[in-house]
Each structure stands twice: as C-alpha cells, then as structure tokens.
C-alpha cells in the first residue's frame, strides 16, 4: 500500500466518517475510496443490464417498464 499525504477538510472528513461508521481518518479515506469503486462497478453492471434488456425488446407495443410475469 502506498502512502500519500493530502490536505483534507476536517469537517467533511468528520461527516463522512460518521456516515461510514469509521473512527480514524485513514479508515474513512479507505472506506470512501472503496465505496466509490463499488458504486461505479454497480453502475456499470446496471448500464450493461439496461443495454441488454433494450436489445431483447424489439416489439414497440411492449411496455418496457412493465414487470413481466416472471417478476410475480
């Protein structure tokens, strides 16, 4: 793991630490970085799912937002 020195707004760090439930500045930064990575990965998966679902639906009369019987 590399060591980096940065200036961080103490108030923002405290708020983010409280939101993430971390106790040290180091843990807060690590958790925040991990959370950003996970969120971006989830967004990429959702985008791929949306593209794939659009590719499967070719009939314009089908309501794309209506749940199919498989959801019930």
C-alpha atoms as a PDB file:
ATOM      1  CA  UNK A   1       0.000   0.000   0.000  1.00  0.00           C
ATOM      2  CA  UNK A   2       1.382   3.392  -0.901  1.00  0.00           C
ATOM      3  CA  UNK A   3       1.456   6.343   1.449  1.00  0.00           C
ATOM      4  CA  UNK A   4       0.079   9.658   0.201  1.00  0.00           C
ATOM      5  CA  UNK A   5      -0.097  12.958   2.049  1.00  0.00           C
ATOM      6  CA  UNK A   6      -3.024  15.255   1.227  1.00  0.00           C
ATOM      7  CA  UNK A   7      -4.868  18.164   2.805  1.00  0.00           C
ATOM      8  CA  UNK A   8      -8.424  17.225   3.753  1.00  0.00           C
ATOM      9  CA  UNK A   9     -11.252  19.393   5.043  1.00  0.00           C
ATOM     10  CA  UNK A  10     -11.647  18.264   8.666  1.00  0.00           C
ATOM     11  CA  UNK A  11     -15.382  18.965   8.747  1.00  0.00           C
ATOM     12  CA  UNK A  12     -16.016  16.922   5.598  1.00  0.00           C
ATOM     13  CA  UNK A  13     -13.813  14.126   6.910  1.00  0.00           C
ATOM     14  CA  UNK A  14     -15.775  14.051  10.174  1.00  0.00           C
ATOM     15  CA  UNK A  15     -19.144  13.941   8.397  1.00  0.00           C
ATOM     16  CA  UNK A  16     -18.027  11.205   6.007  1.00  0.00           C
ATOM     17  CA  UNK A  17     -16.531   9.266   8.898  1.00  0.00           C
ATOM     18  CA  UNK A  18     -19.840   9.439  10.748  1.00  0.00           C
ATOM     19  CA  UNK A  19     -21.746   8.342   7.635  1.00  0.00           C
ATOM     20  CA  UNK A  20     -19.414   5.415   7.019  1.00  0.00           C
ATOM     21  CA  UNK A  21     -19.057   4.497  10.682  1.00  0.00           C
ATOM     22  CA  UNK A  22     -15.276   4.800  10.694  1.00  0.00           C
ATOM     23  CA  UNK A  23     -13.196   6.050  13.602  1.00  0.00           C
ATOM     24  CA  UNK A  24      -9.896   7.159  12.084  1.00  0.00           C
ATOM     25  CA  UNK A  25      -9.142   9.455   9.156  1.00  0.00           C
ATOM     26  CA  UNK A  26      -7.224   6.651   7.433  1.00  0.00           C
ATOM     27  CA  UNK A  27     -10.167   4.253   7.718  1.00  0.00           C
ATOM     28  CA  UNK A  28     -12.538   6.958   6.482  1.00  0.00           C
ATOM     29  CA  UNK A  29     -10.495   7.640   3.354  1.00  0.00           C
ATOM     30  CA  UNK A  30     -10.043   3.926   2.628  1.00  0.00           C
ATOM     31  CA  UNK A  31     -13.754   3.209   3.105  1.00  0.00           C
ATOM     32  CA  UNK A  32     -14.766   6.184   0.964  1.00  0.00           C
ATOM     33  CA  UNK A  33     -12.459   5.093  -1.860  1.00  0.00           C
ATOM     34  CA  UNK A  34     -13.802   1.533  -1.691  1.00  0.00           C
ATOM     35  CA  UNK A  35     -17.376   2.797  -1.691  1.00  0.00           C
ATOM     36  CA  UNK A  36     -16.783   4.919  -4.798  1.00  0.00           C
ATOM     37  CA  UNK A  37     -15.271   1.919  -6.574  1.00  0.00           C
ATOM     38  CA  UNK A  38     -18.172  -0.371  -5.633  1.00  0.00           C
ATOM     39  CA  UNK A  39     -20.728   2.242  -6.669  1.00  0.00           C
ATOM     40  CA  UNK A  40     -19.090   2.690 -10.082  1.00  0.00           C
ATOM     41  CA  UNK A  41     -18.989  -1.081 -10.562  1.00  0.00           C
ATOM     42  CA  UNK A  42     -22.697  -1.327  -9.731  1.00  0.00           C
ATOM     43  CA  UNK A  43     -23.477   1.485 -12.150  1.00  0.00           C
ATOM     44  CA  UNK A  44     -21.560  -0.318 -14.906  1.00  0.00           C
ATOM     45  CA  UNK A  45     -23.499  -3.527 -14.236  1.00  0.00           C
ATOM     46  CA  UNK A  46     -26.809  -1.652 -14.309  1.00  0.00           C
ATOM     47  CA  UNK A  47     -25.839   0.049 -17.558  1.00  0.00           C
ATOM     48  CA  UNK A  48     -24.969  -3.303 -19.140  1.00  0.00           C
ATOM     49  CA  UNK A  49     -28.285  -4.751 -17.947  1.00  0.00           C
ATOM     50  CA  UNK A  50     -30.192  -1.815 -19.415  1.00  0.00           C
ATOM     51  CA  UNK A  51     -28.411  -2.154 -22.753  1.00  0.00           C
ATOM     52  CA  UNK A  52     -29.050  -5.900 -22.860  1.00  0.00           C
ATOM     53  CA  UNK A  53     -32.718  -5.548 -21.931  1.00  0.00           C
ATOM     54  CA  UNK A  54     -33.171  -2.939 -24.654  1.00  0.00           C
ATOM     55  CA  UNK A  55     -31.574  -5.267 -27.188  1.00  0.00           C
ATOM     56  CA  UNK A  56     -34.013  -8.063 -26.322  1.00  0.00           C
ATOM     57  CA  UNK A  57     -37.143  -5.930 -26.637  1.00  0.00           C
ATOM     58  CA  UNK A  58     -37.833  -5.316 -30.301  1.00  0.00           C
ATOM     59  CA  UNK A  59     -41.624  -5.005 -30.232  1.00  0.00           C
ATOM     60  CA  UNK A  60     -42.577  -1.332 -29.785  1.00  0.00           C
ATOM     61  CA  UNK A  61     -46.002  -2.302 -28.442  1.00  0.00           C
ATOM     62  CA  UNK A  62     -44.392  -3.836 -25.353  1.00  0.00           C
ATOM     63  CA  UNK A  63     -44.206  -1.558 -22.333  1.00  0.00           C
ATOM     64  CA  UNK A  64     -40.531  -1.808 -21.354  1.00  0.00           C
ATOM     65  CA  UNK A  65     -41.191  -0.648 -17.805  1.00  0.00           C
ATOM     66  CA  UNK A  66     -43.976  -3.116 -17.031  1.00  0.00           C
ATOM     67  CA  UNK A  67     -42.980  -6.142 -14.993  1.00  0.00           C
ATOM     68  CA  UNK A  68     -43.278  -9.438 -16.772  1.00  0.00           C
ATOM     69  CA  UNK A  69     -44.983 -12.487 -15.192  1.00  0.00           C
ATOM     70  CA  UNK A  70     -41.522 -13.714 -14.191  1.00  0.00           C
ATOM     71  CA  UNK A  71     -41.380 -10.914 -11.586  1.00  0.00           C
ATOM     72  CA  UNK A  72     -44.538 -12.091  -9.831  1.00  0.00           C
END
